[in-house]
């Protein structure tokens, strides 16, 4: 099981593209600029300095309710 995941898509200014991986099959929700960027798992893997990591693809943004 990978400890990290690669994020693809989403905002260009998202600083971290390798993040801690959630439990298998779970989505990732990354806080960013007053909201959350949501990433879904894919079946793809990508080479990284940490080895082959699962790829999570951006699918939506939600705002944080005030």
C-alpha atoms as a PDB file:
ATOM      1  CA  UNK A   1       0.000   0.000   0.000  1.00  0.00           C
ATOM      2  CA  UNK A   2       1.354   3.449  -0.897  1.00  0.00           C
ATOM      3  CA  UNK A   3       1.787   6.052   1.836  1.00  0.00           C
ATOM      4  CA  UNK A   4       1.546   8.872  -0.699  1.00  0.00           C
ATOM      5  CA  UNK A   5      -0.477   9.792  -3.770  1.00  0.00           C
ATOM      6  CA  UNK A   6       0.025  12.027  -6.812  1.00  0.00           C
ATOM      7  CA  UNK A   7      -2.545  14.759  -7.563  1.00  0.00           C
ATOM      8  CA  UNK A   8      -3.304  15.656 -11.194  1.00  0.00           C
ATOM      9  CA  UNK A   9      -5.502  18.484 -12.440  1.00  0.00           C
ATOM     10  CA  UNK A  10      -7.031  21.226 -10.352  1.00  0.00           C
ATOM     11  CA  UNK A  11      -5.589  24.689  -9.754  1.00  0.00           C
ATOM     12  CA  UNK A  12      -2.149  25.472 -11.136  1.00  0.00           C
ATOM     13  CA  UNK A  13      -1.127  27.105  -7.832  1.00  0.00           C
ATOM     14  CA  UNK A  14      -1.772  24.002  -5.706  1.00  0.00           C
ATOM     15  CA  UNK A  15       1.612  23.713  -3.992  1.00  0.00           C
ATOM     16  CA  UNK A  16       1.819  20.021  -3.100  1.00  0.00           C
ATOM     17  CA  UNK A  17       1.296  17.423  -5.825  1.00  0.00           C
ATOM     18  CA  UNK A  18       2.458  14.480  -3.694  1.00  0.00           C
ATOM     19  CA  UNK A  19       0.336  14.114  -0.558  1.00  0.00           C
ATOM     20  CA  UNK A  20      -0.504  11.541   2.104  1.00  0.00           C
ATOM     21  CA  UNK A  21      -2.746   8.852   0.615  1.00  0.00           C
ATOM     22  CA  UNK A  22      -6.150   8.168   2.146  1.00  0.00           C
ATOM     23  CA  UNK A  23      -7.517   4.674   2.758  1.00  0.00           C
ATOM     24  CA  UNK A  24      -7.947   2.743  -0.518  1.00  0.00           C
ATOM     25  CA  UNK A  25     -11.001   3.896  -2.486  1.00  0.00           C
ATOM     26  CA  UNK A  26     -11.490   7.133  -0.511  1.00  0.00           C
ATOM     27  CA  UNK A  27     -11.482  10.592  -2.108  1.00  0.00           C
ATOM     28  CA  UNK A  28      -8.985  13.294  -1.138  1.00  0.00           C
ATOM     29  CA  UNK A  29     -10.125  16.740   0.035  1.00  0.00           C
ATOM     30  CA  UNK A  30      -7.360  19.372   0.041  1.00  0.00           C
ATOM     31  CA  UNK A  31      -7.920  22.794   1.698  1.00  0.00           C
ATOM     32  CA  UNK A  32      -6.961  25.542  -0.775  1.00  0.00           C
ATOM     33  CA  UNK A  33      -7.755  29.292  -1.124  1.00  0.00           C
ATOM     34  CA  UNK A  34     -10.848  29.344   1.113  1.00  0.00           C
ATOM     35  CA  UNK A  35     -12.293  26.091  -0.189  1.00  0.00           C
ATOM     36  CA  UNK A  36     -11.532  22.460  -0.867  1.00  0.00           C
ATOM     37  CA  UNK A  37     -10.170  20.788  -3.974  1.00  0.00           C
ATOM     38  CA  UNK A  38     -11.590  17.276  -4.377  1.00  0.00           C
ATOM     39  CA  UNK A  39      -9.649  14.439  -6.005  1.00  0.00           C
ATOM     40  CA  UNK A  40     -10.924  10.950  -6.885  1.00  0.00           C
ATOM     41  CA  UNK A  41      -8.767   7.833  -7.093  1.00  0.00           C
ATOM     42  CA  UNK A  42      -7.948   6.447 -10.539  1.00  0.00           C
ATOM     43  CA  UNK A  43      -6.549   3.096 -11.611  1.00  0.00           C
ATOM     44  CA  UNK A  44      -3.372   4.833 -12.834  1.00  0.00           C
ATOM     45  CA  UNK A  45       0.020   4.945 -11.138  1.00  0.00           C
ATOM     46  CA  UNK A  46       2.816   7.457 -11.730  1.00  0.00           C
ATOM     47  CA  UNK A  47       6.571   7.318 -11.208  1.00  0.00           C
ATOM     48  CA  UNK A  48       7.864   9.702  -8.546  1.00  0.00           C
ATOM     49  CA  UNK A  49      10.967  10.065  -6.377  1.00  0.00           C
ATOM     50  CA  UNK A  50       9.076   7.872  -3.873  1.00  0.00           C
ATOM     51  CA  UNK A  51       8.441   5.121  -6.423  1.00  0.00           C
ATOM     52  CA  UNK A  52       5.184   4.330  -8.237  1.00  0.00           C
ATOM     53  CA  UNK A  53       2.285   6.124  -6.551  1.00  0.00           C
ATOM     54  CA  UNK A  54      -1.474   6.009  -7.101  1.00  0.00           C
ATOM     55  CA  UNK A  55      -2.905   8.919  -9.113  1.00  0.00           C
ATOM     56  CA  UNK A  56      -5.828  10.999  -7.835  1.00  0.00           C
ATOM     57  CA  UNK A  57      -7.582  13.221 -10.381  1.00  0.00           C
ATOM     58  CA  UNK A  58      -9.250  16.557  -9.614  1.00  0.00           C
ATOM     59  CA  UNK A  59     -13.025  16.564 -10.075  1.00  0.00           C
ATOM     60  CA  UNK A  60     -14.495  19.569  -8.214  1.00  0.00           C
ATOM     61  CA  UNK A  61     -14.016  22.501  -5.872  1.00  0.00           C
ATOM     62  CA  UNK A  62     -16.266  23.401  -2.962  1.00  0.00           C
ATOM     63  CA  UNK A  63     -16.288  26.580  -0.886  1.00  0.00           C
ATOM     64  CA  UNK A  64     -15.931  26.617   2.892  1.00  0.00           C
ATOM     65  CA  UNK A  65     -19.202  27.826   4.439  1.00  0.00           C
ATOM     66  CA  UNK A  66     -18.843  30.887   6.632  1.00  0.00           C
END
